[in-house]
C-alpha atoms as a PDB file:
ATOM      1  CA  UNK A   1     -52.932   2.401 -23.433  1.00  0.00           C
ATOM      2  CA  UNK A   2     -50.093   3.479 -21.381  1.00  0.00           C
ATOM      3  CA  UNK A   3     -46.501   2.447 -21.950  1.00  0.00           C
ATOM      4  CA  UNK A   4     -45.112   0.397 -18.979  1.00  0.00           C
ATOM      5  CA  UNK A   5     -41.807  -1.418 -18.414  1.00  0.00           C
ATOM      6  CA  UNK A   6     -40.598  -3.271 -15.520  1.00  0.00           C
ATOM      7  CA  UNK A   7     -36.917  -3.090 -14.723  1.00  0.00           C
ATOM      8  CA  UNK A   8     -35.179  -5.967 -12.636  1.00  0.00           C
ATOM      9  CA  UNK A   9     -32.406  -4.787 -10.345  1.00  0.00           C
ATOM     10  CA  UNK A  10     -30.510  -7.018  -8.077  1.00  0.00           C
ATOM     11  CA  UNK A  11     -31.793  -6.120  -4.482  1.00  0.00           C
ATOM     12  CA  UNK A  12     -32.661  -9.041  -2.102  1.00  0.00           C
ATOM     13  CA  UNK A  13     -36.244  -7.802  -1.991  1.00  0.00           C
ATOM     14  CA  UNK A  14     -37.123  -9.692  -5.061  1.00  0.00           C
ATOM     15  CA  UNK A  15     -36.900 -12.559  -3.343  1.00  0.00           C
ATOM     16  CA  UNK A  16     -40.351 -12.033  -1.716  1.00  0.00           C
ATOM     17  CA  UNK A  17     -41.562 -11.489  -5.293  1.00  0.00           C
ATOM     18  CA  UNK A  18     -40.208 -14.798  -6.628  1.00  0.00           C
ATOM     19  CA  UNK A  19     -41.860 -16.591  -3.460  1.00  0.00           C
ATOM     20  CA  UNK A  20     -45.117 -14.888  -4.540  1.00  0.00           C
ATOM     21  CA  UNK A  21     -45.033 -16.094  -8.351  1.00  0.00           C
ATOM     22  CA  UNK A  22     -43.220 -13.094  -9.871  1.00  0.00           C
ATOM     23  CA  UNK A  23     -41.964 -14.549 -13.130  1.00  0.00           C
ATOM     24  CA  UNK A  24     -45.178 -15.993 -13.957  1.00  0.00           C
ATOM     25  CA  UNK A  25     -47.025 -13.112 -13.191  1.00  0.00           C
ATOM     26  CA  UNK A  26     -45.100 -10.649 -15.393  1.00  0.00           C
ATOM     27  CA  UNK A  27     -44.058 -12.869 -18.179  1.00  0.00           C
ATOM     28  CA  UNK A  28     -46.391 -11.220 -20.448  1.00  0.00           C
ATOM     29  CA  UNK A  29     -44.921  -7.806 -19.762  1.00  0.00           C
ATOM     30  CA  UNK A  30     -41.914  -5.631 -21.026  1.00  0.00           C
ATOM     31  CA  UNK A  31     -39.006  -6.510 -18.876  1.00  0.00           C
ATOM     32  CA  UNK A  32     -35.636  -5.042 -18.819  1.00  0.00           C
ATOM     33  CA  UNK A  33     -32.924  -6.989 -16.913  1.00  0.00           C
ATOM     34  CA  UNK A  34     -30.018  -5.235 -15.319  1.00  0.00           C
ATOM     35  CA  UNK A  35     -26.814  -7.245 -15.084  1.00  0.00           C
ATOM     36  CA  UNK A  36     -27.262 -10.786 -14.111  1.00  0.00           C
ATOM     37  CA  UNK A  37     -31.169 -10.769 -13.655  1.00  0.00           C
ATOM     38  CA  UNK A  38     -31.672 -12.509 -16.993  1.00  0.00           C
ATOM     39  CA  UNK A  39     -29.598 -15.670 -15.498  1.00  0.00           C
ATOM     40  CA  UNK A  40     -32.321 -15.822 -12.890  1.00  0.00           C
ATOM     41  CA  UNK A  41     -35.394 -15.847 -15.134  1.00  0.00           C
ATOM     42  CA  UNK A  42     -37.047 -18.720 -16.725  1.00  0.00           C
ATOM     43  CA  UNK A  43     -37.533 -16.817 -20.012  1.00  0.00           C
ATOM     44  CA  UNK A  44     -35.676 -14.133 -21.714  1.00  0.00           C
ATOM     45  CA  UNK A  45     -36.176 -10.341 -21.200  1.00  0.00           C
ATOM     46  CA  UNK A  46     -36.884  -7.737 -23.961  1.00  0.00           C
ATOM     47  CA  UNK A  47     -33.502  -6.071 -23.002  1.00  0.00           C
ATOM     48  CA  UNK A  48     -30.429  -6.742 -21.043  1.00  0.00           C
ATOM     49  CA  UNK A  49     -28.530  -3.642 -19.685  1.00  0.00           C
ATOM     50  CA  UNK A  50     -25.186  -3.242 -17.980  1.00  0.00           C
ATOM     51  CA  UNK A  51     -22.753  -0.303 -17.241  1.00  0.00           C
ATOM     52  CA  UNK A  52     -19.541  -1.705 -16.231  1.00  0.00           C
ATOM     53  CA  UNK A  53     -17.014  -2.920 -18.597  1.00  0.00           C
ATOM     54  CA  UNK A  54     -16.032  -5.724 -16.359  1.00  0.00           C
ATOM     55  CA  UNK A  55     -19.200  -7.229 -16.583  1.00  0.00           C
ATOM     56  CA  UNK A  56     -19.062  -7.567 -20.210  1.00  0.00           C
ATOM     57  CA  UNK A  57     -15.721  -8.968 -19.908  1.00  0.00           C
ATOM     58  CA  UNK A  58     -16.647 -11.599 -17.610  1.00  0.00           C
ATOM     59  CA  UNK A  59     -20.130 -12.256 -19.572  1.00  0.00           C
ATOM     60  CA  UNK A  60     -19.087 -12.060 -23.267  1.00  0.00           C
ATOM     61  CA  UNK A  61     -20.368 -15.384 -24.287  1.00  0.00           C
ATOM     62  CA  UNK A  62     -23.491 -15.264 -22.203  1.00  0.00           C
ATOM     63  CA  UNK A  63     -24.568 -11.846 -23.512  1.00  0.00           C
ATOM     64  CA  UNK A  64     -23.731 -12.986 -27.234  1.00  0.00           C
ATOM     65  CA  UNK A  65     -25.818 -16.015 -26.547  1.00  0.00           C
ATOM     66  CA  UNK A  66     -29.170 -14.059 -25.479  1.00  0.00           C
ATOM     67  CA  UNK A  67     -28.421 -11.555 -28.262  1.00  0.00           C
ATOM     68  CA  UNK A  68     -28.673 -14.274 -30.839  1.00  0.00           C
ATOM     69  CA  UNK A  69     -32.020 -15.276 -29.150  1.00  0.00           C
ATOM     70  CA  UNK A  70     -33.297 -11.872 -29.889  1.00  0.00           C
ATOM     71  CA  UNK A  71     -32.674  -9.795 -26.722  1.00  0.00           C
ATOM     72  CA  UNK A  72     -31.602  -6.454 -27.196  1.00  0.00           C
ATOM     73  CA  UNK A  73     -28.000  -5.775 -25.420  1.00  0.00           C
ATOM     74  CA  UNK A  74     -27.832  -2.191 -23.989  1.00  0.00           C
ATOM     75  CA  UNK A  75     -24.777  -0.502 -22.524  1.00  0.00           C
ATOM     76  CA  UNK A  76     -22.961   2.633 -21.476  1.00  0.00           C
ATOM     77  CA  UNK A  77     -21.197   3.229 -24.637  1.00  0.00           C
ATOM     78  CA  UNK A  78     -17.397   2.260 -24.768  1.00  0.00           C
ATOM     79  CA  UNK A  79     -15.372   2.320 -28.062  1.00  0.00           C
ATOM     80  CA  UNK A  80     -14.437  -1.450 -28.223  1.00  0.00           C
ATOM     81  CA  UNK A  81     -18.109  -2.187 -28.117  1.00  0.00           C
ATOM     82  CA  UNK A  82     -18.325  -1.011 -31.613  1.00  0.00           C
ATOM     83  CA  UNK A  83     -16.740  -4.061 -33.231  1.00  0.00           C
ATOM     84  CA  UNK A  84     -19.180  -6.404 -31.500  1.00  0.00           C
ATOM     85  CA  UNK A  85     -21.883  -5.321 -33.271  1.00  0.00           C
ATOM     86  CA  UNK A  86     -24.722  -6.881 -31.165  1.00  0.00           C
ATOM     87  CA  UNK A  87     -24.489  -4.077 -28.441  1.00  0.00           C
ATOM     88  CA  UNK A  88     -26.467  -0.817 -28.421  1.00  0.00           C
ATOM     89  CA  UNK A  89     -24.007   1.774 -26.917  1.00  0.00           C
ATOM     90  CA  UNK A  90     -25.254   5.185 -25.384  1.00  0.00           C
ATOM     91  CA  UNK A  91     -22.980   8.012 -24.342  1.00  0.00           C
ATOM     92  CA  UNK A  92     -23.638   8.983 -20.627  1.00  0.00           C
ATOM     93  CA  UNK A  93     -23.312  11.597 -18.230  1.00  0.00           C
ATOM     94  CA  UNK A  94     -22.801  11.386 -14.224  1.00  0.00           C
ATOM     95  CA  UNK A  95     -23.955  14.992 -13.453  1.00  0.00           C
ATOM     96  CA  UNK A  96     -27.502  15.721 -12.575  1.00  0.00           C
ATOM     97  CA  UNK A  97     -27.088  18.880 -14.755  1.00  0.00           C
ATOM     98  CA  UNK A  98     -26.666  16.642 -17.859  1.00  0.00           C
ATOM     99  CA  UNK A  99     -29.924  15.162 -17.076  1.00  0.00           C
ATOM    100  CA  UNK A 100     -32.284  15.543 -19.968  1.00  0.00           C
ATOM    101  CA  UNK A 101     -35.207  13.341 -19.172  1.00  0.00           C
ATOM    102  CA  UNK A 102     -37.490  12.668 -22.020  1.00  0.00           C
ATOM    103  CA  UNK A 103     -35.508  15.106 -24.249  1.00  0.00           C
ATOM    104  CA  UNK A 104     -32.315  12.936 -23.880  1.00  0.00           C
ATOM    105  CA  UNK A 105     -32.781  10.927 -27.343  1.00  0.00           C
ATOM    106  CA  UNK A 106     -34.386  13.873 -28.890  1.00  0.00           C
ATOM    107  CA  UNK A 107     -31.663  16.827 -28.708  1.00  0.00           C
ATOM    108  CA  UNK A 108     -29.344  17.671 -31.425  1.00  0.00           C
ATOM    109  CA  UNK A 109     -25.954  16.370 -31.137  1.00  0.00           C
ATOM    110  CA  UNK A 110     -24.873  13.251 -29.216  1.00  0.00           C
ATOM    111  CA  UNK A 111     -27.719  12.104 -26.683  1.00  0.00           C
ATOM    112  CA  UNK A 112     -26.516  11.418 -23.007  1.00  0.00           C
ATOM    113  CA  UNK A 113     -28.185   9.087 -20.859  1.00  0.00           C
ATOM    114  CA  UNK A 114     -27.745   9.916 -17.144  1.00  0.00           C
ATOM    115  CA  UNK A 115     -26.254   7.343 -14.707  1.00  0.00           C
ATOM    116  CA  UNK A 116     -25.349   9.264 -11.641  1.00  0.00           C
ATOM    117  CA  UNK A 117     -21.968   9.445  -9.896  1.00  0.00           C
ATOM    118  CA  UNK A 118     -22.054   5.799  -9.162  1.00  0.00           C
ATOM    119  CA  UNK A 119     -22.697   5.009 -13.039  1.00  0.00           C
ATOM    120  CA  UNK A 120     -25.168   2.311 -11.704  1.00  0.00           C
ATOM    121  CA  UNK A 121     -27.055   0.140 -14.310  1.00  0.00           C
ATOM    122  CA  UNK A 122     -30.062   0.768 -12.252  1.00  0.00           C
ATOM    123  CA  UNK A 123     -29.755   4.412 -12.945  1.00  0.00           C
ATOM    124  CA  UNK A 124     -28.893   4.070 -16.651  1.00  0.00           C
ATOM    125  CA  UNK A 125     -31.739   1.791 -17.159  1.00  0.00           C
ATOM    126  CA  UNK A 126     -34.337   4.158 -15.416  1.00  0.00           C
ATOM    127  CA  UNK A 127     -32.831   6.975 -17.410  1.00  0.00           C
ATOM    128  CA  UNK A 128     -33.302   5.179 -20.602  1.00  0.00           C
ATOM    129  CA  UNK A 129     -36.800   4.273 -20.005  1.00  0.00           C
ATOM    130  CA  UNK A 130     -37.717   7.843 -19.263  1.00  0.00           C
ATOM    131  CA  UNK A 131     -36.058   8.852 -22.494  1.00  0.00           C
ATOM    132  CA  UNK A 132     -37.904   6.500 -24.491  1.00  0.00           C
ATOM    133  CA  UNK A 133     -41.451   7.617 -23.355  1.00  0.00           C
ATOM    134  CA  UNK A 134     -42.378   5.091 -20.827  1.00  0.00           C
ATOM    135  CA  UNK A 135     -45.398   6.240 -18.789  1.00  0.00           C
ATOM    136  CA  UNK A 136     -45.483   3.709 -15.951  1.00  0.00           C
ATOM    137  CA  UNK A 137     -41.798   2.176 -14.684  1.00  0.00           C
ATOM    138  CA  UNK A 138     -41.725  -0.376 -11.944  1.00  0.00           C
ATOM    139  CA  UNK A 139     -38.406  -0.789 -10.260  1.00  0.00           C
ATOM    140  CA  UNK A 140     -37.978  -4.235  -8.873  1.00  0.00           C
ATOM    141  CA  UNK A 141     -34.566  -4.918  -6.704  1.00  0.00           C
ATOM    142  CA  UNK A 142     -33.979  -1.128  -6.404  1.00  0.00           C
ATOM    143  CA  UNK A 143     -32.982  -1.475  -2.750  1.00  0.00           C
ATOM    144  CA  UNK A 144     -29.576   0.535  -2.690  1.00  0.00           C
ATOM    145  CA  UNK A 145     -28.093  -2.154  -0.374  1.00  0.00           C
ATOM    146  CA  UNK A 146     -28.594  -3.011   3.069  1.00  0.00           C
ATOM    147  CA  UNK A 147     -29.297  -0.700   6.200  1.00  0.00           C
ATOM    148  CA  UNK A 148     -26.372  -1.816   8.201  1.00  0.00           C
ATOM    149  CA  UNK A 149     -22.736  -3.174   7.954  1.00  0.00           C
ATOM    150  CA  UNK A 150     -23.667  -6.398   9.708  1.00  0.00           C
ATOM    151  CA  UNK A 151     -26.136  -7.201   6.894  1.00  0.00           C
ATOM    152  CA  UNK A 152     -23.911  -8.614   3.858  1.00  0.00           C
ATOM    153  CA  UNK A 153     -26.966  -9.985   1.940  1.00  0.00           C
ATOM    154  CA  UNK A 154     -27.530  -7.588  -0.580  1.00  0.00           C
ATOM    155  CA  UNK A 155     -28.557  -9.339  -3.837  1.00  0.00           C
ATOM    156  CA  UNK A 156     -31.390 -11.707  -4.260  1.00  0.00           C
ATOM    157  CA  UNK A 157     -29.240 -14.353  -6.343  1.00  0.00           C
ATOM    158  CA  UNK A 158     -26.496 -14.002  -4.011  1.00  0.00           C
ATOM    159  CA  UNK A 159     -25.363 -17.507  -2.990  1.00  0.00           C
ATOM    160  CA  UNK A 160     -27.049 -18.930  -5.954  1.00  0.00           C
ATOM    161  CA  UNK A 161     -25.062 -17.357  -8.988  1.00  0.00           C
ATOM    162  CA  UNK A 162     -21.202 -17.637  -8.955  1.00  0.00           C
ATOM    163  CA  UNK A 163     -20.616 -14.355 -10.662  1.00  0.00           C
ATOM    164  CA  UNK A 164     -18.573 -11.151 -10.470  1.00  0.00           C
ATOM    165  CA  UNK A 165     -20.165  -8.153  -9.001  1.00  0.00           C
ATOM    166  CA  UNK A 166     -18.898  -4.789  -7.537  1.00  0.00           C
ATOM    167  CA  UNK A 167     -21.351  -4.484  -4.964  1.00  0.00           C
ATOM    168  CA  UNK A 168     -22.639  -8.076  -3.863  1.00  0.00           C
ATOM    169  CA  UNK A 169     -21.919  -8.826  -0.119  1.00  0.00           C
ATOM    170  CA  UNK A 170     -20.266  -5.492   0.390  1.00  0.00           C
ATOM    171  CA  UNK A 171     -22.301  -3.066   2.800  1.00  0.00           C
ATOM    172  CA  UNK A 172     -19.566  -0.532   2.077  1.00  0.00           C
ATOM    173  CA  UNK A 173     -20.397   0.194  -1.363  1.00  0.00           C
ATOM    174  CA  UNK A 174     -23.921   1.412  -0.283  1.00  0.00           C
ATOM    175  CA  UNK A 175     -23.120   2.942   3.528  1.00  0.00           C
ATOM    176  CA  UNK A 176     -20.740   5.360   4.886  1.00  0.00           C
ATOM    177  CA  UNK A 177     -18.364   4.991   7.827  1.00  0.00           C
ATOM    178  CA  UNK A 178     -21.179   5.721  10.177  1.00  0.00           C
ATOM    179  CA  UNK A 179     -23.668   2.806   8.726  1.00  0.00           C
ATOM    180  CA  UNK A 180     -25.734   5.474   7.030  1.00  0.00           C
ATOM    181  CA  UNK A 181     -27.002   5.172   3.306  1.00  0.00           C
ATOM    182  CA  UNK A 182     -24.407   6.893   1.095  1.00  0.00           C
ATOM    183  CA  UNK A 183     -25.402  10.366  -0.131  1.00  0.00           C
ATOM    184  CA  UNK A 184     -24.806   9.211  -3.797  1.00  0.00           C
ATOM    185  CA  UNK A 185     -28.412   7.742  -3.380  1.00  0.00           C
ATOM    186  CA  UNK A 186     -29.462  11.193  -4.324  1.00  0.00           C
ATOM    187  CA  UNK A 187     -28.273  10.354  -7.868  1.00  0.00           C
ATOM    188  CA  UNK A 188     -31.982   9.287  -8.166  1.00  0.00           C
ATOM    189  CA  UNK A 189     -33.405  12.640  -7.136  1.00  0.00           C
ATOM    190  CA  UNK A 190     -33.470  14.013 -10.717  1.00  0.00           C
ATOM    191  CA  UNK A 191     -36.044  11.671 -11.687  1.00  0.00           C
ATOM    192  CA  UNK A 192     -38.681  13.031  -9.162  1.00  0.00           C
ATOM    193  CA  UNK A 193     -38.890  16.068 -11.751  1.00  0.00           C
ATOM    194  CA  UNK A 194     -40.833  13.865 -13.902  1.00  0.00           C
ATOM    195  CA  UNK A 195     -44.550  14.794 -12.897  1.00  0.00           C
ATOM    196  CA  UNK A 196     -46.185  12.937 -15.702  1.00  0.00           C
ATOM    197  CA  UNK A 197     -44.531   9.437 -15.593  1.00  0.00           C
ATOM    198  CA  UNK A 198     -45.296   7.151 -12.632  1.00  0.00           C
ATOM    199  CA  UNK A 199     -42.347   5.603 -11.069  1.00  0.00           C
ATOM    200  CA  UNK A 200     -43.058   2.724  -8.451  1.00  0.00           C
ATOM    201  CA  UNK A 201     -40.482   1.047  -6.338  1.00  0.00           C
ATOM    202  CA  UNK A 202     -41.614  -2.352  -5.426  1.00  0.00           C
ATOM    203  CA  UNK A 203     -39.524  -2.546  -2.335  1.00  0.00           C
ATOM    204  CA  UNK A 204     -41.088  -1.185   0.916  1.00  0.00           C
ATOM    205  CA  UNK A 205     -37.821  -1.019   2.668  1.00  0.00           C
ATOM    206  CA  UNK A 206     -35.619   0.340  -0.329  1.00  0.00           C
ATOM    207  CA  UNK A 207     -33.093   3.026   0.801  1.00  0.00           C
ATOM    208  CA  UNK A 208     -33.993   5.107  -2.103  1.00  0.00           C
ATOM    209  CA  UNK A 209     -36.582   7.652  -0.845  1.00  0.00           C
ATOM    210  CA  UNK A 210     -37.576   9.509  -3.890  1.00  0.00           C
ATOM    211  CA  UNK A 211     -40.211   7.236  -5.444  1.00  0.00           C
ATOM    212  CA  UNK A 212     -43.672   5.702  -4.389  1.00  0.00           C
ATOM    213  CA  UNK A 213     -42.963   2.537  -2.552  1.00  0.00           C
ATOM    214  CA  UNK A 214     -45.455  -0.326  -3.159  1.00  0.00           C
ATOM    215  CA  UNK A 215     -45.578  -3.996  -1.984  1.00  0.00           C
ATOM    216  CA  UNK A 216     -45.676  -6.905  -4.150  1.00  0.00           C
ATOM    217  CA  UNK A 217     -49.371  -7.336  -3.556  1.00  0.00           C
ATOM    218  CA  UNK A 218     -49.994  -3.795  -5.084  1.00  0.00           C
ATOM    219  CA  UNK A 219     -47.598  -4.499  -7.917  1.00  0.00           C
ATOM    220  CA  UNK A 220     -49.512  -7.630  -9.062  1.00  0.00           C
ATOM    221  CA  UNK A 221     -52.707  -5.993  -8.807  1.00  0.00           C
ATOM    222  CA  UNK A 222     -51.476  -2.934 -10.808  1.00  0.00           C
ATOM    223  CA  UNK A 223     -50.100  -4.810 -13.532  1.00  0.00           C
ATOM    224  CA  UNK A 224     -53.436  -6.735 -13.965  1.00  0.00           C
ATOM    225  CA  UNK A 225     -54.991  -3.341 -14.767  1.00  0.00           C
ATOM    226  CA  UNK A 226     -56.851  -2.647 -11.474  1.00  0.00           C
ATOM    227  CA  UNK A 227     -57.907   1.041 -11.945  1.00  0.00           C
ATOM    228  CA  UNK A 228     -58.531   1.106  -7.948  1.00  0.00           C
ATOM    229  CA  UNK A 229     -55.072   0.836  -6.705  1.00  0.00           C
END
C-alpha cells in the first residue's frame, strides 16, 4: 500500500475544496497542517508545521494545546525551542544544492531539510514528507499567491481568522514589480527530480508550475482509491 500524506497550505484555492466537503472527505487520511490550517479544521491533524519564529511567539498557547492533544509539532530548528520539549526541530538549508531528497534524514551527520530561499513552511513540509518516504503527496493551498497586485485575496482563511501572517493580503510577497510571479517560485523546482514520488497540486490555477495540477474532483476520486484516474 502506498504511503500518502495531505499537506494543507493556506492558498485561497482551498475554499473550493471546503465548499465541496473537503474536511469530511479527508478526515481518515494523514494530514499535515501548515501554519494556521489547524485552526480551520473540525478535527486535529497528525502534524502541525511552521517555519517562522514569529508564528511560534504569537501562537505558543495554541500550539501547546494541540500538542497536549497528541499533534506532533514540527518546525525549522531554533535553539530556544529546545526548552519547549514539545517541538521537533529540524536543521534546514535554503540552498538547492543542500537538498538531499529521500536521503535527508539518512545521511551521516546533522540532517538538513530544504526550505528554499524564502524558508516557506510549504517548502519545508514537502521536503520533510519526501525525506520520510511518502509515495504520494497532495498539496492543498499551494497557490504561491495571486496573479496580480489588484488581487489581495491570498489566503483561504483571510477575513475569518484574525492572525499574524507575513504574506496574507500582500501580493508583493509573491509578485515582482511587473506583477509577475517571483523567481523564488523556482524553490520548488528541486522536487521534480523525485521521479518515483507522485506529487499532486490540488489547485488548477497555482503559480507553482512544477507539479501535476489536479481538480478537487480528481483529488477526491484519487483518495478513494480509483485506479483509473
